[in-house]
N, C-alpha and C. Protein backbone atom coordinates (compact mmCIF):
# COMPACT_ATOMS: atom_id res chain seq x y z
N MET A 1 106.87 82.60 153.76
CA MET A 1 106.95 81.29 154.34
C MET A 1 106.67 81.40 155.83
N ALA A 2 105.88 80.50 156.32
CA ALA A 2 105.57 80.49 157.74
C ALA A 2 106.80 80.04 158.52
N LYS A 3 107.06 80.70 159.63
CA LYS A 3 108.21 80.36 160.45
C LYS A 3 107.96 79.05 161.17
N LEU A 4 108.93 78.18 161.11
CA LEU A 4 108.84 76.90 161.80
C LEU A 4 109.43 77.10 163.19
N THR A 5 108.57 77.14 164.19
CA THR A 5 109.03 77.38 165.55
C THR A 5 109.73 76.14 166.11
N TYR A 6 110.43 76.33 167.20
CA TYR A 6 111.13 75.24 167.84
C TYR A 6 110.16 74.13 168.23
N GLN A 7 109.03 74.49 168.82
CA GLN A 7 108.05 73.48 169.25
C GLN A 7 107.45 72.74 168.07
N ALA A 8 107.15 73.47 166.99
CA ALA A 8 106.57 72.82 165.81
C ALA A 8 107.60 71.90 165.15
N ARG A 9 108.85 72.32 165.11
CA ARG A 9 109.91 71.49 164.54
C ARG A 9 110.10 70.22 165.37
N LYS A 10 110.01 70.36 166.67
CA LYS A 10 110.15 69.22 167.58
C LYS A 10 109.04 68.19 167.36
N ARG A 11 107.85 68.68 167.02
CA ARG A 11 106.70 67.79 166.82
C ARG A 11 106.71 67.09 165.46
N LEU A 12 107.50 67.58 164.51
CA LEU A 12 107.55 66.95 163.19
C LEU A 12 108.14 65.55 163.30
N VAL A 13 107.53 64.62 162.59
CA VAL A 13 108.04 63.24 162.59
C VAL A 13 109.33 63.19 161.76
N PRO A 14 110.22 62.25 162.07
CA PRO A 14 111.49 62.17 161.35
C PRO A 14 111.35 62.02 159.83
N SER A 15 110.27 61.44 159.37
CA SER A 15 110.10 61.26 157.92
C SER A 15 109.88 62.59 157.20
N LYS A 16 109.64 63.67 157.91
CA LYS A 16 109.46 64.99 157.30
C LYS A 16 110.79 65.71 157.11
N PHE A 17 111.91 65.08 157.45
CA PHE A 17 113.24 65.65 157.30
C PHE A 17 114.03 64.84 156.29
N VAL A 18 114.91 65.50 155.55
CA VAL A 18 115.80 64.77 154.65
C VAL A 18 116.82 63.99 155.47
N PHE A 19 117.35 64.61 156.51
CA PHE A 19 118.32 63.95 157.40
C PHE A 19 117.75 63.90 158.82
N PRO A 20 116.98 62.86 159.14
CA PRO A 20 116.38 62.80 160.48
C PRO A 20 117.39 62.59 161.60
N SER A 21 118.58 62.06 161.28
CA SER A 21 119.57 61.85 162.34
C SER A 21 120.82 62.71 162.14
N GLY A 22 120.74 63.71 161.29
CA GLY A 22 121.83 64.65 161.10
C GLY A 22 122.71 64.32 159.91
N THR A 23 123.69 65.18 159.69
CA THR A 23 124.63 65.02 158.59
C THR A 23 125.98 64.61 159.15
N LYS A 24 126.93 64.34 158.28
CA LYS A 24 128.27 63.97 158.74
C LYS A 24 128.91 65.11 159.52
N ALA A 25 128.72 66.32 159.07
CA ALA A 25 129.30 67.49 159.75
C ALA A 25 128.57 67.84 161.04
N ASP A 26 127.33 67.48 161.15
CA ASP A 26 126.52 67.84 162.32
C ASP A 26 125.58 66.68 162.68
N PRO A 27 126.12 65.59 163.23
CA PRO A 27 125.28 64.44 163.56
C PRO A 27 124.38 64.69 164.76
N GLY A 28 123.27 63.98 164.79
CA GLY A 28 122.37 64.05 165.93
C GLY A 28 121.28 65.10 165.86
N LYS A 29 121.30 65.97 164.88
CA LYS A 29 120.28 67.01 164.76
C LYS A 29 119.51 66.81 163.47
N LYS A 30 118.20 66.90 163.56
CA LYS A 30 117.37 66.78 162.36
C LYS A 30 117.65 67.96 161.43
N LYS A 31 117.86 67.65 160.15
CA LYS A 31 118.23 68.69 159.19
C LYS A 31 117.32 68.67 157.97
N PHE A 32 117.10 69.83 157.39
CA PHE A 32 116.37 70.03 156.15
C PHE A 32 114.92 69.52 156.23
N PRO A 33 114.06 70.23 156.95
CA PRO A 33 112.65 69.86 156.97
C PRO A 33 112.01 70.09 155.61
N ILE A 34 111.23 69.13 155.14
CA ILE A 34 110.53 69.28 153.85
C ILE A 34 109.06 68.90 154.02
N HIS A 35 108.45 69.42 155.07
CA HIS A 35 107.05 69.10 155.36
C HIS A 35 106.07 69.90 154.50
N ASN A 36 106.55 70.94 153.82
CA ASN A 36 105.70 71.68 152.88
C ASN A 36 106.57 72.19 151.72
N ALA A 37 105.93 72.71 150.68
CA ALA A 37 106.65 73.13 149.48
C ALA A 37 107.61 74.29 149.74
N GLN A 38 107.25 75.20 150.62
CA GLN A 38 108.12 76.33 150.90
C GLN A 38 109.44 75.86 151.54
N HIS A 39 109.33 74.94 152.48
CA HIS A 39 110.54 74.43 153.12
C HIS A 39 111.33 73.53 152.17
N ALA A 40 110.65 72.88 151.24
CA ALA A 40 111.35 72.08 150.23
C ALA A 40 112.19 72.99 149.33
N ARG A 41 111.63 74.13 148.92
CA ARG A 41 112.39 75.11 148.13
C ARG A 41 113.60 75.61 148.91
N SER A 42 113.38 75.87 150.17
CA SER A 42 114.47 76.33 151.03
C SER A 42 115.56 75.27 151.15
N ALA A 43 115.17 74.02 151.28
CA ALA A 43 116.14 72.93 151.38
C ALA A 43 116.98 72.84 150.12
N LEU A 44 116.35 72.97 148.95
CA LEU A 44 117.09 72.96 147.69
C LEU A 44 118.08 74.12 147.63
N SER A 45 117.63 75.27 148.05
CA SER A 45 118.47 76.46 148.02
C SER A 45 119.66 76.31 148.96
N ARG A 46 119.41 75.85 150.16
CA ARG A 46 120.49 75.70 151.13
C ARG A 46 121.46 74.59 150.73
N ALA A 47 120.95 73.52 150.14
CA ALA A 47 121.82 72.42 149.73
C ALA A 47 122.75 72.83 148.60
N SER A 48 122.29 73.73 147.73
CA SER A 48 123.14 74.16 146.62
C SER A 48 124.15 75.23 147.04
N ASN A 49 124.00 75.78 148.24
CA ASN A 49 124.92 76.79 148.77
C ASN A 49 126.21 76.10 149.23
N LYS A 50 127.33 76.52 148.69
CA LYS A 50 128.61 75.89 149.01
C LYS A 50 129.07 76.17 150.44
N GLN A 51 128.51 77.17 151.10
CA GLN A 51 128.90 77.47 152.47
C GLN A 51 128.29 76.49 153.48
N VAL A 52 127.24 75.79 153.07
CA VAL A 52 126.63 74.79 153.94
C VAL A 52 127.51 73.54 153.89
N LYS A 53 127.88 73.01 155.04
CA LYS A 53 128.81 71.88 155.09
C LYS A 53 128.08 70.57 154.80
N LEU A 54 128.03 70.24 153.51
CA LEU A 54 127.44 68.98 153.06
C LEU A 54 128.38 68.32 152.07
N THR A 55 128.40 66.99 152.10
CA THR A 55 129.16 66.28 151.08
C THR A 55 128.34 66.28 149.80
N GLN A 56 128.97 65.91 148.68
CA GLN A 56 128.25 65.86 147.41
C GLN A 56 127.11 64.84 147.49
N GLY A 57 127.34 63.73 148.15
CA GLY A 57 126.30 62.72 148.31
C GLY A 57 125.10 63.24 149.11
N GLU A 58 125.38 64.04 150.13
CA GLU A 58 124.30 64.62 150.92
C GLU A 58 123.53 65.65 150.11
N ARG A 59 124.22 66.43 149.30
CA ARG A 59 123.54 67.39 148.42
C ARG A 59 122.59 66.66 147.47
N CYS A 60 123.07 65.56 146.91
CA CYS A 60 122.24 64.77 146.00
C CYS A 60 121.05 64.15 146.74
N GLN A 61 121.28 63.75 147.98
CA GLN A 61 120.20 63.16 148.78
C GLN A 61 119.09 64.18 149.03
N VAL A 62 119.47 65.43 149.30
CA VAL A 62 118.48 66.50 149.50
C VAL A 62 117.68 66.68 148.21
N MET A 63 118.39 66.77 147.10
CA MET A 63 117.72 67.00 145.82
C MET A 63 116.77 65.86 145.47
N ARG A 64 117.22 64.63 145.65
CA ARG A 64 116.36 63.47 145.34
C ARG A 64 115.12 63.44 146.24
N ALA A 65 115.30 63.72 147.54
CA ALA A 65 114.17 63.69 148.46
C ALA A 65 113.14 64.76 148.11
N VAL A 66 113.60 65.96 147.79
CA VAL A 66 112.68 67.05 147.45
C VAL A 66 111.97 66.75 146.14
N CYS A 67 112.72 66.31 145.13
CA CYS A 67 112.11 66.03 143.82
C CYS A 67 111.13 64.86 143.88
N LYS A 68 111.39 63.92 144.77
CA LYS A 68 110.47 62.78 144.92
C LYS A 68 109.16 63.23 145.56
N LYS A 69 109.27 64.06 146.59
CA LYS A 69 108.08 64.48 147.32
C LYS A 69 107.34 65.63 146.64
N TYR A 70 108.08 66.55 146.02
CA TYR A 70 107.49 67.72 145.37
C TYR A 70 108.07 67.86 143.97
N PRO A 71 107.59 67.10 142.99
CA PRO A 71 108.16 67.16 141.65
C PRO A 71 107.95 68.49 140.93
N SER A 72 107.05 69.32 141.40
CA SER A 72 106.80 70.60 140.74
C SER A 72 107.57 71.76 141.37
N VAL A 73 108.47 71.48 142.31
CA VAL A 73 109.18 72.53 143.04
C VAL A 73 110.56 72.77 142.43
N GLY A 74 110.89 74.03 142.25
CA GLY A 74 112.23 74.45 141.91
C GLY A 74 112.86 73.77 140.72
N MET A 75 114.08 73.28 140.91
CA MET A 75 114.84 72.67 139.85
C MET A 75 114.23 71.37 139.36
N CYS A 76 113.40 70.75 140.14
CA CYS A 76 112.76 69.49 139.75
C CYS A 76 111.77 69.71 138.61
N ALA A 77 111.17 70.88 138.57
CA ALA A 77 110.08 71.15 137.63
C ALA A 77 110.55 71.60 136.25
N ALA A 78 111.77 72.07 136.12
CA ALA A 78 112.21 72.64 134.85
C ALA A 78 113.45 71.91 134.32
N PRO A 79 113.26 70.82 133.59
CA PRO A 79 114.42 70.06 133.11
C PRO A 79 115.27 70.82 132.10
N GLU A 80 114.75 71.88 131.50
CA GLU A 80 115.53 72.62 130.51
C GLU A 80 116.55 73.55 131.15
N ARG A 81 116.49 73.75 132.45
CA ARG A 81 117.44 74.64 133.11
C ARG A 81 118.82 73.99 133.16
N LYS A 82 119.83 74.77 132.85
CA LYS A 82 121.19 74.25 132.85
C LYS A 82 121.64 73.86 134.25
N LYS A 83 121.26 74.67 135.24
CA LYS A 83 121.68 74.39 136.61
C LYS A 83 121.13 73.04 137.06
N GLN A 84 119.89 72.77 136.73
CA GLN A 84 119.30 71.52 137.15
C GLN A 84 119.99 70.34 136.48
N SER A 85 120.21 70.42 135.20
CA SER A 85 120.81 69.29 134.51
C SER A 85 122.24 69.06 134.99
N LYS A 86 122.97 70.14 135.33
CA LYS A 86 124.32 69.99 135.86
C LYS A 86 124.29 69.28 137.21
N MET A 87 123.37 69.69 138.08
CA MET A 87 123.28 69.06 139.40
C MET A 87 122.81 67.62 139.29
N LEU A 88 121.86 67.37 138.40
CA LEU A 88 121.38 66.00 138.24
C LEU A 88 122.47 65.09 137.69
N ARG A 89 123.27 65.59 136.75
CA ARG A 89 124.36 64.78 136.21
C ARG A 89 125.38 64.46 137.27
N SER A 90 125.63 65.39 138.17
CA SER A 90 126.63 65.15 139.22
C SER A 90 126.13 64.17 140.27
N CYS A 91 124.85 63.95 140.32
CA CYS A 91 124.29 62.98 141.28
C CYS A 91 124.26 61.63 140.62
């Protein structure tokens, strides 16, 4: 995955982020860039990590945004996976 530099991240428009104005735990900072498929996979991975401070609603918001923009990425592409169906049911 190509590294997203500070300058490149700064130039991304807010619509390229799941949380353009931050999360409840960290307001004011753009979070979870999904401007390409690699970063979308990363966003799904980070959102499912329990160590990341997100509410259940925010986790669902990440998953919905990624699946809407990249339906062939990760858990969005394989409905037979148990992990995906569990996360989708909880949303």
